[in-house]
Amino acid sequence: MRTAHRVVTSLAIAATSIGLTLATAPAASAEEGVSGCISYSFHPGTLTTTVYYRNRCDVPRHVYIHRVGNQGTCDSVITIRVPGNKKGNEVVRCGEVKEVIGEDR
């Protein structure tokens, strides 16, 4: 009887350990950077990715968000005009964000 109790206890501890390991698995890391006058950041999501951007210059600049999808779907560039010293965000609903580029002219 005591042996059966020890086995059940050991299995419960093992199951809990596995659950904790899976629960604390690291998430995909956020990406941030600066391209010309534009600073940006995004964290890849499951269904959508929100790209945050800020124009650090006094004049308007463009942000180019390059995205790709499976088998060529959603392959495109999203272009956003950002007024001087302003910030904003864009929710990308189709495709994976591959690159964010700021206009530098």
PDB file of N, CA and C in Angstrom:
ATOM      1  N   MET A   1       0.821  -1.188   0.000  1.00  0.00           N
ATOM      2  CA  MET A   1       0.000   0.000   0.000  1.00  0.00           C
ATOM      3  C   MET A   1       0.867   1.254   0.000  1.00  0.00           C
ATOM      4  N   ARG A   2       1.897   1.261   0.841  1.00  0.00           N
ATOM      5  CA  ARG A   2       2.776   2.432   0.894  1.00  0.00           C
ATOM      6  C   ARG A   2       3.513   2.612  -0.428  1.00  0.00           C
ATOM      7  N   THR A   3       3.868   1.510  -1.091  1.00  0.00           N
ATOM      8  CA  THR A   3       4.561   1.593  -2.372  1.00  0.00           C
ATOM      9  C   THR A   3       3.656   2.234  -3.426  1.00  0.00           C
ATOM     10  N   ALA A   4       2.402   1.835  -3.457  1.00  0.00           N
ATOM     11  CA  ALA A   4       1.453   2.421  -4.408  1.00  0.00           C
ATOM     12  C   ALA A   4       1.294   3.916  -4.157  1.00  0.00           C
ATOM     13  N   HIS A   5       1.248   4.323  -2.901  1.00  0.00           N
ATOM     14  CA  HIS A   5       1.127   5.740  -2.553  1.00  0.00           C
ATOM     15  C   HIS A   5       2.356   6.516  -3.028  1.00  0.00           C
ATOM     16  N   ARG A   6       3.537   5.938  -2.857  1.00  0.00           N
ATOM     17  CA  ARG A   6       4.772   6.603  -3.300  1.00  0.00           C
ATOM     18  C   ARG A   6       4.798   6.757  -4.818  1.00  0.00           C
ATOM     19  N   VAL A   7       4.344   5.732  -5.529  1.00  0.00           N
ATOM     20  CA  VAL A   7       4.319   5.798  -6.992  1.00  0.00           C
ATOM     21  C   VAL A   7       3.368   6.898  -7.452  1.00  0.00           C
ATOM     22  N   VAL A   8       2.185   6.954  -6.873  1.00  0.00           N
ATOM     23  CA  VAL A   8       1.211   7.986  -7.236  1.00  0.00           C
ATOM     24  C   VAL A   8       1.764   9.366  -6.918  1.00  0.00           C
ATOM     25  N   THR A   9       2.390   9.526  -5.777  1.00  0.00           N
ATOM     26  CA  THR A   9       2.979  10.810  -5.395  1.00  0.00           C
ATOM     27  C   THR A   9       4.089  11.198  -6.364  1.00  0.00           C
ATOM     28  N   SER A  10       4.932  10.245  -6.728  1.00  0.00           N
ATOM     29  CA  SER A  10       6.022  10.517  -7.672  1.00  0.00           C
ATOM     30  C   SER A  10       5.477  10.933  -9.028  1.00  0.00           C
ATOM     31  N   LEU A  11       4.441  10.252  -9.493  1.00  0.00           N
ATOM     32  CA  LEU A  11       3.833  10.618 -10.774  1.00  0.00           C
ATOM     33  C   LEU A  11       3.212  12.012 -10.723  1.00  0.00           C
ATOM     34  N   ALA A  12       2.589  12.344  -9.621  1.00  0.00           N
ATOM     35  CA  ALA A  12       1.985  13.673  -9.475  1.00  0.00           C
ATOM     36  C   ALA A  12       3.054  14.757  -9.503  1.00  0.00           C
ATOM     37  N   ILE A  13       4.160  14.505  -8.818  1.00  0.00           N
ATOM     38  CA  ILE A  13       5.260  15.483  -8.814  1.00  0.00           C
ATOM     39  C   ILE A  13       5.852  15.616 -10.212  1.00  0.00           C
ATOM     40  N   ALA A  14       6.038  14.503 -10.911  1.00  0.00           N
ATOM     41  CA  ALA A  14       6.581  14.543 -12.267  1.00  0.00           C
ATOM     42  C   ALA A  14       5.651  15.301 -13.207  1.00  0.00           C
ATOM     43  N   ALA A  15       4.355  15.051 -13.111  1.00  0.00           N
ATOM     44  CA  ALA A  15       3.390  15.746 -13.969  1.00  0.00           C
ATOM     45  C   ALA A  15       3.390  17.242 -13.694  1.00  0.00           C
ATOM     46  N   THR A  16       3.483  17.608 -12.433  1.00  0.00           N
ATOM     47  CA  THR A  16       3.530  19.022 -12.067  1.00  0.00           C
ATOM     48  C   THR A  16       4.789  19.670 -12.617  1.00  0.00           C
ATOM     49  N   SER A  17       5.911  18.981 -12.531  1.00  0.00           N
ATOM     50  CA  SER A  17       7.175  19.519 -13.043  1.00  0.00           C
ATOM     51  C   SER A  17       7.103  19.756 -14.538  1.00  0.00           C
ATOM     52  N   ILE A  18       6.532  18.813 -15.263  1.00  0.00           N
ATOM     53  CA  ILE A  18       6.398  18.978 -16.710  1.00  0.00           C
ATOM     54  C   ILE A  18       5.481  20.153 -17.019  1.00  0.00           C
ATOM     55  N   GLY A  19       4.388  20.284 -16.304  1.00  0.00           N
ATOM     56  CA  GLY A  19       3.462  21.400 -16.515  1.00  0.00           C
ATOM     57  C   GLY A  19       4.120  22.736 -16.269  1.00  0.00           C
ATOM     58  N   LEU A  20       4.919  22.825 -15.224  1.00  0.00           N
ATOM     59  CA  LEU A  20       5.608  24.078 -14.932  1.00  0.00           C
ATOM     60  C   LEU A  20       6.639  24.394 -15.994  1.00  0.00           C
ATOM     61  N   THR A  21       7.321  23.379 -16.501  1.00  0.00           N
ATOM     62  CA  THR A  21       8.315  23.597 -17.544  1.00  0.00           C
ATOM     63  C   THR A  21       7.647  24.116 -18.811  1.00  0.00           C
ATOM     64  N   LEU A  22       6.525  23.520 -19.183  1.00  0.00           N
ATOM     65  CA  LEU A  22       5.818  23.978 -20.371  1.00  0.00           C
ATOM     66  C   LEU A  22       5.238  25.372 -20.175  1.00  0.00           C
ATOM     67  N   ALA A  23       4.778  25.677 -18.980  1.00  0.00           N
ATOM     68  CA  ALA A  23       4.169  26.977 -18.718  1.00  0.00           C
ATOM     69  C   ALA A  23       5.193  28.102 -18.746  1.00  0.00           C
ATOM     70  N   THR A  24       6.450  27.800 -18.448  1.00  0.00           N
ATOM     71  CA  THR A  24       7.461  28.845 -18.392  1.00  0.00           C
ATOM     72  C   THR A  24       8.354  28.863 -19.626  1.00  0.00           C
ATOM     73  N   ALA A  25       7.934  28.208 -20.701  1.00  0.00           N
ATOM     74  CA  ALA A  25       8.721  28.235 -21.927  1.00  0.00           C
ATOM     75  C   ALA A  25       8.804  29.666 -22.430  1.00  0.00           C
ATOM     76  N   PRO A  26       9.969  30.100 -22.910  1.00  0.00           N
ATOM     77  CA  PRO A  26      10.119  31.484 -23.344  1.00  0.00           C
ATOM     78  C   PRO A  26       9.283  31.781 -24.583  1.00  0.00           C
ATOM     79  N   ALA A  27       8.691  32.946 -24.596  1.00  0.00           N
ATOM     80  CA  ALA A  27       7.901  33.391 -25.742  1.00  0.00           C
ATOM     81  C   ALA A  27       8.842  33.969 -26.797  1.00  0.00           C
ATOM     82  N   ALA A  28       8.320  34.158 -28.002  1.00  0.00           N
ATOM     83  CA  ALA A  28       9.120  34.777 -29.050  1.00  0.00           C
ATOM     84  C   ALA A  28       9.535  36.169 -28.599  1.00  0.00           C
ATOM     85  N   SER A  29      10.759  36.534 -28.893  1.00  0.00           N
ATOM     86  CA  SER A  29      11.264  37.804 -28.391  1.00  0.00           C
ATOM     87  C   SER A  29      10.771  38.968 -29.245  1.00  0.00           C
ATOM     88  N   ALA A  30      10.690  40.109 -28.618  1.00  0.00           N
ATOM     89  CA  ALA A  30      10.283  41.323 -29.317  1.00  0.00           C
ATOM     90  C   ALA A  30      11.457  41.826 -30.143  1.00  0.00           C
ATOM     91  N   GLU A  31      11.137  42.514 -31.207  1.00  0.00           N
ATOM     92  CA  GLU A  31      12.172  43.111 -32.036  1.00  0.00           C
ATOM     93  C   GLU A  31      12.001  44.617 -31.979  1.00  0.00           C
ATOM     94  N   GLU A  32      13.105  45.319 -31.857  1.00  0.00           N
ATOM     95  CA  GLU A  32      13.064  46.781 -31.859  1.00  0.00           C
ATOM     96  C   GLU A  32      14.307  47.301 -32.545  1.00  0.00           C
ATOM     97  N   GLY A  33      14.207  48.530 -33.013  1.00  0.00           N
ATOM     98  CA  GLY A  33      15.349  49.101 -33.699  1.00  0.00           C
ATOM     99  C   GLY A  33      15.087  50.524 -34.141  1.00  0.00           C
ATOM    100  N   VAL A  34      16.067  51.063 -34.848  1.00  0.00           N
ATOM    101  CA  VAL A  34      15.993  52.416 -35.388  1.00  0.00           C
ATOM    102  C   VAL A  34      16.409  52.336 -36.845  1.00  0.00           C
ATOM    103  N   SER A  35      15.637  52.966 -37.712  1.00  0.00           N
ATOM    104  CA  SER A  35      15.947  53.027 -39.128  1.00  0.00           C
ATOM    105  C   SER A  35      15.714  54.458 -39.579  1.00  0.00           C
ATOM    106  N   GLY A  36      16.804  55.181 -39.801  1.00  0.00           N
ATOM    107  CA  GLY A  36      16.679  56.592 -40.136  1.00  0.00           C
ATOM    108  C   GLY A  36      16.079  57.356 -38.973  1.00  0.00           C
ATOM    109  N   CYS A  37      15.028  58.119 -39.227  1.00  0.00           N
ATOM    110  CA  CYS A  37      14.350  58.890 -38.179  1.00  0.00           C
ATOM    111  C   CYS A  37      13.335  58.058 -37.403  1.00  0.00           C
ATOM    112  N   ILE A  38      13.083  56.846 -37.840  1.00  0.00           N
ATOM    113  CA  ILE A  38      12.014  56.028 -37.269  1.00  0.00           C
ATOM    114  C   ILE A  38      12.568  55.014 -36.270  1.00  0.00           C
ATOM    115  N   SER A  39      12.000  55.038 -35.068  1.00  0.00           N
ATOM    116  CA  SER A  39      12.263  53.950 -34.118  1.00  0.00           C
ATOM    117  C   SER A  39      11.018  53.072 -34.116  1.00  0.00           C
ATOM    118  N   TYR A  40      11.206  51.780 -33.912  1.00  0.00           N
ATOM    119  CA  TYR A  40      10.076  50.857 -34.002  1.00  0.00           C
ATOM    120  C   TYR A  40      10.260  49.679 -33.057  1.00  0.00           C
ATOM    121  N   SER A  41       9.161  48.993 -32.802  1.00  0.00           N
ATOM    122  CA  SER A  41       9.204  47.739 -32.054  1.00  0.00           C
ATOM    123  C   SER A  41       7.969  46.925 -32.404  1.00  0.00           C
ATOM    124  N   PHE A  42       8.112  45.615 -32.313  1.00  0.00           N
ATOM    125  CA  PHE A  42       6.970  44.721 -32.483  1.00  0.00           C
ATOM    126  C   PHE A  42       7.285  43.390 -31.831  1.00  0.00           C
ATOM    127  N   HIS A  43       6.239  42.701 -31.463  1.00  0.00           N
ATOM    128  CA  HIS A  43       6.343  41.379 -30.861  1.00  0.00           C
ATOM    129  C   HIS A  43       5.473  40.454 -31.697  1.00  0.00           C
ATOM    130  N   PRO A  44       6.063  39.482 -32.386  1.00  0.00           N
ATOM    131  CA  PRO A  44       5.260  38.605 -33.241  1.00  0.00           C
ATOM    132  C   PRO A  44       4.135  37.924 -32.462  1.00  0.00           C
ATOM    133  N   GLY A  45       2.927  38.059 -32.960  1.00  0.00           N
ATOM    134  CA  GLY A  45       1.777  37.448 -32.307  1.00  0.00           C
ATOM    135  C   GLY A  45       1.323  36.195 -33.032  1.00  0.00           C
ATOM    136  N   THR A  46       0.319  35.546 -32.498  1.00  0.00           N
ATOM    137  CA  THR A  46      -0.207  34.327 -33.105  1.00  0.00           C
ATOM    138  C   THR A  46      -1.057  34.650 -34.327  1.00  0.00           C
ATOM    139  N   LEU A  47      -2.005  35.560 -34.182  1.00  0.00           N
ATOM    140  CA  LEU A  47      -2.884  35.923 -35.290  1.00  0.00           C
ATOM    141  C   LEU A  47      -2.575  37.302 -35.854  1.00  0.00           C
ATOM    142  N   THR A  48      -2.115  38.204 -35.018  1.00  0.00           N
ATOM    143  CA  THR A  48      -1.775  39.557 -35.460  1.00  0.00           C
ATOM    144  C   THR A  48      -0.459  39.990 -34.825  1.00  0.00           C
ATOM    145  N   THR A  49       0.145  40.994 -35.427  1.00  0.00           N
ATOM    146  CA  THR A  49       1.346  41.611 -34.867  1.00  0.00           C
ATOM    147  C   THR A  49       1.149  43.116 -34.916  1.00  0.00           C
ATOM    148  N   THR A  50       1.334  43.780 -33.801  1.00  0.00           N
ATOM    149  CA  THR A  50       1.224  45.235 -33.762  1.00  0.00           C
ATOM    150  C   THR A  50       2.620  45.830 -33.828  1.00  0.00           C
ATOM    151  N   VAL A  51       2.833  46.698 -34.813  1.00  0.00           N
ATOM    152  CA  VAL A  51       4.108  47.391 -34.977  1.00  0.00           C
ATOM    153  C   VAL A  51       3.931  48.801 -34.421  1.00  0.00           C
ATOM    154  N   TYR A  52       4.769  49.169 -33.468  1.00  0.00           N
ATOM    155  CA  TYR A  52       4.760  50.512 -32.882  1.00  0.00           C
ATOM    156  C   TYR A  52       5.908  51.293 -33.500  1.00  0.00           C
ATOM    157  N   TYR A  53       5.659  52.551 -33.861  1.00  0.00           N
ATOM    158  CA  TYR A  53       6.690  53.355 -34.502  1.00  0.00           C
ATOM    159  C   TYR A  53       6.633  54.789 -33.990  1.00  0.00           C
ATOM    160  N   ARG A  54       7.756  55.479 -34.149  1.00  0.00           N
ATOM    161  CA  ARG A  54       7.856  56.883 -33.732  1.00  0.00           C
ATOM    162  C   ARG A  54       8.809  57.598 -34.672  1.00  0.00           C
ATOM    163  N   ASN A  55       8.369  58.738 -35.189  1.00  0.00           N
ATOM    164  CA  ASN A  55       9.220  59.585 -36.020  1.00  0.00           C
ATOM    165  C   ASN A  55       9.968  60.535 -35.092  1.00  0.00           C
ATOM    166  N   ARG A  56      11.282  60.433 -35.046  1.00  0.00           N
ATOM    167  CA  ARG A  56      12.093  61.259 -34.155  1.00  0.00           C
ATOM    168  C   ARG A  56      12.583  62.543 -34.825  1.00  0.00           C
ATOM    169  N   CYS A  57      12.197  62.760 -36.070  1.00  0.00           N
ATOM    170  CA  CYS A  57      12.597  63.969 -36.793  1.00  0.00           C
ATOM    171  C   CYS A  57      11.442  64.971 -36.830  1.00  0.00           C
ATOM    172  N   ASP A  58      11.763  66.204 -37.225  1.00  0.00           N
ATOM    173  CA  ASP A  58      10.763  67.274 -37.277  1.00  0.00           C
ATOM    174  C   ASP A  58       9.903  67.238 -38.540  1.00  0.00           C
ATOM    175  N   VAL A  59      10.331  66.524 -39.547  1.00  0.00           N
ATOM    176  CA  VAL A  59       9.608  66.485 -40.824  1.00  0.00           C
ATOM    177  C   VAL A  59       8.952  65.114 -41.012  1.00  0.00           C
ATOM    178  N   PRO A  60       7.894  65.050 -41.825  1.00  0.00           N
ATOM    179  CA  PRO A  60       7.225  63.757 -42.050  1.00  0.00           C
ATOM    180  C   PRO A  60       8.167  62.724 -42.675  1.00  0.00           C
ATOM    181  N   ARG A  61       7.989  61.483 -42.290  1.00  0.00           N
ATOM    182  CA  ARG A  61       8.754  60.358 -42.834  1.00  0.00           C
ATOM    183  C   ARG A  61       7.798  59.192 -43.062  1.00  0.00           C
ATOM    184  N   HIS A  62       8.248  58.214 -43.826  1.00  0.00           N
ATOM    185  CA  HIS A  62       7.451  57.018 -44.085  1.00  0.00           C
ATOM    186  C   HIS A  62       8.037  55.817 -43.356  1.00  0.00           C
ATOM    187  N   VAL A  63       7.145  54.926 -42.923  1.00  0.00           N
ATOM    188  CA  VAL A  63       7.523  53.639 -42.346  1.00  0.00           C
ATOM    189  C   VAL A  63       7.073  52.577 -43.344  1.00  0.00           C
ATOM    190  N   TYR A  64       7.961  51.635 -43.637  1.00  0.00           N
ATOM    191  CA  TYR A  64       7.643  50.537 -44.547  1.00  0.00           C
ATOM    192  C   TYR A  64       7.690  49.230 -43.755  1.00  0.00           C
ATOM    193  N   ILE A  65       6.547  48.558 -43.668  1.00  0.00           N
ATOM    194  CA  ILE A  65       6.453  47.287 -42.948  1.00  0.00           C
ATOM    195  C   ILE A  65       6.363  46.173 -43.994  1.00  0.00           C
ATOM    196  N   HIS A  66       7.410  45.375 -44.078  1.00  0.00           N
ATOM    197  CA  HIS A  66       7.455  44.262 -45.028  1.00  0.00           C
ATOM    198  C   HIS A  66       6.869  43.026 -44.357  1.00  0.00           C
ATOM    199  N   ARG A  67       5.902  42.409 -45.027  1.00  0.00           N
ATOM    200  CA  ARG A  67       5.275  41.213 -44.466  1.00  0.00           C
ATOM    201  C   ARG A  67       5.246  40.102 -45.515  1.00  0.00           C
ATOM    202  N   VAL A  68       5.275  38.864 -45.038  1.00  0.00           N
ATOM    203  CA  VAL A  68       5.203  37.698 -45.919  1.00  0.00           C
ATOM    204  C   VAL A  68       4.231  36.692 -45.322  1.00  0.00           C
ATOM    205  N   GLY A  69       3.610  35.924 -46.194  1.00  0.00           N
ATOM    206  CA  GLY A  69       2.677  34.892 -45.755  1.00  0.00           C
ATOM    207  C   GLY A  69       3.039  33.554 -46.360  1.00  0.00           C
ATOM    208  N   ASN A  70       2.285  32.553 -46.034  1.00  0.00           N
ATOM    209  CA  ASN A  70       2.518  31.219 -46.579  1.00  0.00           C
ATOM    210  C   ASN A  70       2.220  31.192 -48.067  1.00  0.00           C
ATOM    211  N   GLN A  71       3.096  30.604 -48.838  1.00  0.00           N
ATOM    212  CA  GLN A  71       2.920  30.410 -50.275  1.00  0.00           C
ATOM    213  C   GLN A  71       2.621  31.706 -51.012  1.00  0.00           C
ATOM    214  N   GLY A  72       3.239  32.785 -50.590  1.00  0.00           N
ATOM    215  CA  GLY A  72       3.099  34.045 -51.301  1.00  0.00           C
ATOM    216  C   GLY A  72       1.888  34.881 -50.945  1.00  0.00           C
ATOM    217  N   THR A  73       1.014  34.366 -50.078  1.00  0.00           N
ATOM    218  CA  THR A  73      -0.137  35.172 -49.683  1.00  0.00           C
ATOM    219  C   THR A  73       0.326  36.264 -48.738  1.00  0.00           C
ATOM    220  N   CYS A  74      -0.251  37.395 -48.841  1.00  0.00           N
ATOM    221  CA  CYS A  74       0.025  38.544 -47.964  1.00  0.00           C
ATOM    222  C   CYS A  74       1.419  39.132 -48.146  1.00  0.00           C
ATOM    223  N   ASP A  75       2.146  38.735 -49.183  1.00  0.00           N
ATOM    224  CA  ASP A  75       3.458  39.334 -49.413  1.00  0.00           C
ATOM    225  C   ASP A  75       3.246  40.755 -49.916  1.00  0.00           C
ATOM    226  N   SER A  76       3.576  41.718 -49.107  1.00  0.00           N
ATOM    227  CA  SER A  76       3.407  43.106 -49.510  1.00  0.00           C
ATOM    228  C   SER A  76       4.140  44.017 -48.540  1.00  0.00           C
ATOM    229  N   VAL A  77       4.102  45.287 -48.859  1.00  0.00           N
ATOM    230  CA  VAL A  77       4.697  46.310 -48.008  1.00  0.00           C
ATOM    231  C   VAL A  77       3.588  47.268 -47.599  1.00  0.00           C
ATOM    232  N   ILE A  78       3.471  47.495 -46.307  1.00  0.00           N
ATOM    233  CA  ILE A  78       2.524  48.479 -45.788  1.00  0.00           C
ATOM    234  C   ILE A  78       3.297  49.782 -45.635  1.00  0.00           C
ATOM    235  N   THR A  79       2.804  50.859 -46.247  1.00  0.00           N
ATOM    236  CA  THR A  79       3.465  52.158 -46.179  1.00  0.00           C
ATOM    237  C   THR A  79       2.622  53.105 -45.333  1.00  0.00           C
ATOM    238  N   ILE A  80       3.264  53.738 -44.362  1.00  0.00           N
ATOM    239  CA  ILE A  80       2.566  54.653 -43.457  1.00  0.00           C
ATOM    240  C   ILE A  80       3.330  55.967 -43.415  1.00  0.00           C
ATOM    241  N   ARG A  81       2.624  57.080 -43.600  1.00  0.00           N
ATOM    242  CA  ARG A  81       3.232  58.407 -43.472  1.00  0.00           C
ATOM    243  C   ARG A  81       3.092  58.844 -42.022  1.00  0.00           C
ATOM    244  N   VAL A  82       4.222  59.197 -41.406  1.00  0.00           N
ATOM    245  CA  VAL A  82       4.223  59.603 -40.002  1.00  0.00           C
ATOM    246  C   VAL A  82       4.650  61.069 -39.920  1.00  0.00           C
ATOM    247  N   PRO A  83       3.792  61.955 -39.411  1.00  0.00           N
ATOM    248  CA  PRO A  83       4.178  63.360 -39.245  1.00  0.00           C
ATOM    249  C   PRO A  83       5.390  63.489 -38.316  1.00  0.00           C
ATOM    250  N   GLY A  84       6.062  64.627 -38.408  1.00  0.00           N
ATOM    251  CA  GLY A  84       7.229  64.869 -37.560  1.00  0.00           C
ATOM    252  C   GLY A  84       6.909  64.778 -36.079  1.00  0.00           C
ATOM    253  N   ASN A  85       7.807  64.149 -35.334  1.00  0.00           N
ATOM    254  CA  ASN A  85       7.699  64.001 -33.873  1.00  0.00           C
ATOM    255  C   ASN A  85       6.384  63.355 -33.422  1.00  0.00           C
ATOM    256  N   LYS A  86       5.868  62.444 -34.213  1.00  0.00           N
ATOM    257  CA  LYS A  86       4.630  61.737 -33.865  1.00  0.00           C
ATOM    258  C   LYS A  86       4.902  60.244 -33.778  1.00  0.00           C
ATOM    259  N   LYS A  87       3.968  59.533 -33.149  1.00  0.00           N
ATOM    260  CA  LYS A  87       4.085  58.086 -33.041  1.00  0.00           C
ATOM    261  C   LYS A  87       2.744  57.450 -33.351  1.00  0.00           C
ATOM    262  N   GLY A  88       2.765  56.154 -33.571  1.00  0.00           N
ATOM    263  CA  GLY A  88       1.534  55.434 -33.868  1.00  0.00           C
ATOM    264  C   GLY A  88       1.784  53.943 -33.880  1.00  0.00           C
ATOM    265  N   ASN A  89       0.795  53.207 -34.371  1.00  0.00           N
ATOM    266  CA  ASN A  89       0.949  51.758 -34.481  1.00  0.00           C
ATOM    267  C   ASN A  89       0.118  51.240 -35.639  1.00  0.00           C
ATOM    268  N   GLU A  90       0.482  50.074 -36.112  1.00  0.00           N
ATOM    269  CA  GLU A  90      -0.219  49.404 -37.202  1.00  0.00           C
ATOM    270  C   GLU A  90      -0.383  47.938 -36.829  1.00  0.00           C
ATOM    271  N   VAL A  91      -1.617  47.442 -36.919  1.00  0.00           N
ATOM    272  CA  VAL A  91      -1.884  46.032 -36.637  1.00  0.00           C
ATOM    273  C   VAL A  91      -1.807  45.268 -37.958  1.00  0.00           C
ATOM    274  N   VAL A  92      -0.875  44.330 -38.038  1.00  0.00           N
ATOM    275  CA  VAL A  92      -0.700  43.500 -39.231  1.00  0.00           C
ATOM    276  C   VAL A  92      -1.496  42.218 -39.010  1.00  0.00           C
ATOM    277  N   ARG A  93      -2.548  42.036 -39.809  1.00  0.00           N
ATOM    278  CA  ARG A  93      -3.452  40.900 -39.616  1.00  0.00           C
ATOM    279  C   ARG A  93      -3.177  39.741 -40.564  1.00  0.00           C
ATOM    280  N   CYS A  94      -2.443  39.973 -41.599  1.00  0.00           N
ATOM    281  CA  CYS A  94      -2.175  38.925 -42.582  1.00  0.00           C
ATOM    282  C   CYS A  94      -0.678  38.882 -42.847  1.00  0.00           C
ATOM    283  N   GLY A  95      -0.083  37.747 -42.640  1.00  0.00           N
ATOM    284  CA  GLY A  95       1.342  37.601 -42.893  1.00  0.00           C
ATOM    285  C   GLY A  95       2.180  37.883 -41.671  1.00  0.00           C
ATOM    286  N   GLU A  96       3.434  37.524 -41.789  1.00  0.00           N
ATOM    287  CA  GLU A  96       4.408  37.703 -40.714  1.00  0.00           C
ATOM    288  C   GLU A  96       5.268  38.928 -41.013  1.00  0.00           C
ATOM    289  N   VAL A  97       5.487  39.773 -40.025  1.00  0.00           N
ATOM    290  CA  VAL A  97       6.332  40.953 -40.202  1.00  0.00           C
ATOM    291  C   VAL A  97       7.776  40.484 -40.331  1.00  0.00           C
ATOM    292  N   LYS A  98       8.408  40.807 -41.450  1.00  0.00           N
ATOM    293  CA  LYS A  98       9.789  40.412 -41.691  1.00  0.00           C
ATOM    294  C   LYS A  98      10.774  41.543 -41.440  1.00  0.00           C
ATOM    295  N   GLU A  99      10.324  42.780 -41.708  1.00  0.00           N
ATOM    296  CA  GLU A  99      11.260  43.899 -41.622  1.00  0.00           C
ATOM    297  C   GLU A  99      10.484  45.204 -41.511  1.00  0.00           C
ATOM    298  N   VAL A 100      11.040  46.133 -40.761  1.00  0.00           N
ATOM    299  CA  VAL A 100      10.488  47.485 -40.667  1.00  0.00           C
ATOM    300  C   VAL A 100      11.604  48.435 -41.072  1.00  0.00           C
ATOM    301  N   ILE A 101      11.300  49.306 -42.028  1.00  0.00           N
ATOM    302  CA  ILE A 101      12.304  50.247 -42.530  1.00  0.00           C
ATOM    303  C   ILE A 101      11.729  51.651 -42.443  1.00  0.00           C
ATOM    304  N   GLY A 102      12.541  52.583 -41.974  1.00  0.00           N
ATOM    305  CA  GLY A 102      12.150  53.982 -41.937  1.00  0.00           C
ATOM    306  C   GLY A 102      12.789  54.740 -43.080  1.00  0.00           C
ATOM    307  N   GLU A 103      12.028  55.664 -43.650  1.00  0.00           N
ATOM    308  CA  GLU A 103      12.544  56.503 -44.730  1.00  0.00           C
ATOM    309  C   GLU A 103      13.646  57.391 -44.173  1.00  0.00           C
ATOM    310  N   ASP A 104      14.733  57.496 -44.899  1.00  0.00           N
ATOM    311  CA  ASP A 104      15.858  58.326 -44.455  1.00  0.00           C
ATOM    312  C   ASP A 104      16.294  59.221 -45.599  1.00  0.00           C
ATOM    313  N   ARG A 105      15.596  60.335 -45.756  1.00  0.00           N
ATOM    314  CA  ARG A 105      15.939  61.292 -46.823  1.00  0.00           C
ATOM    315  C   ARG A 105      16.181  62.651 -46.258  1.00  0.00           C
TER     316      ARG A 105
END
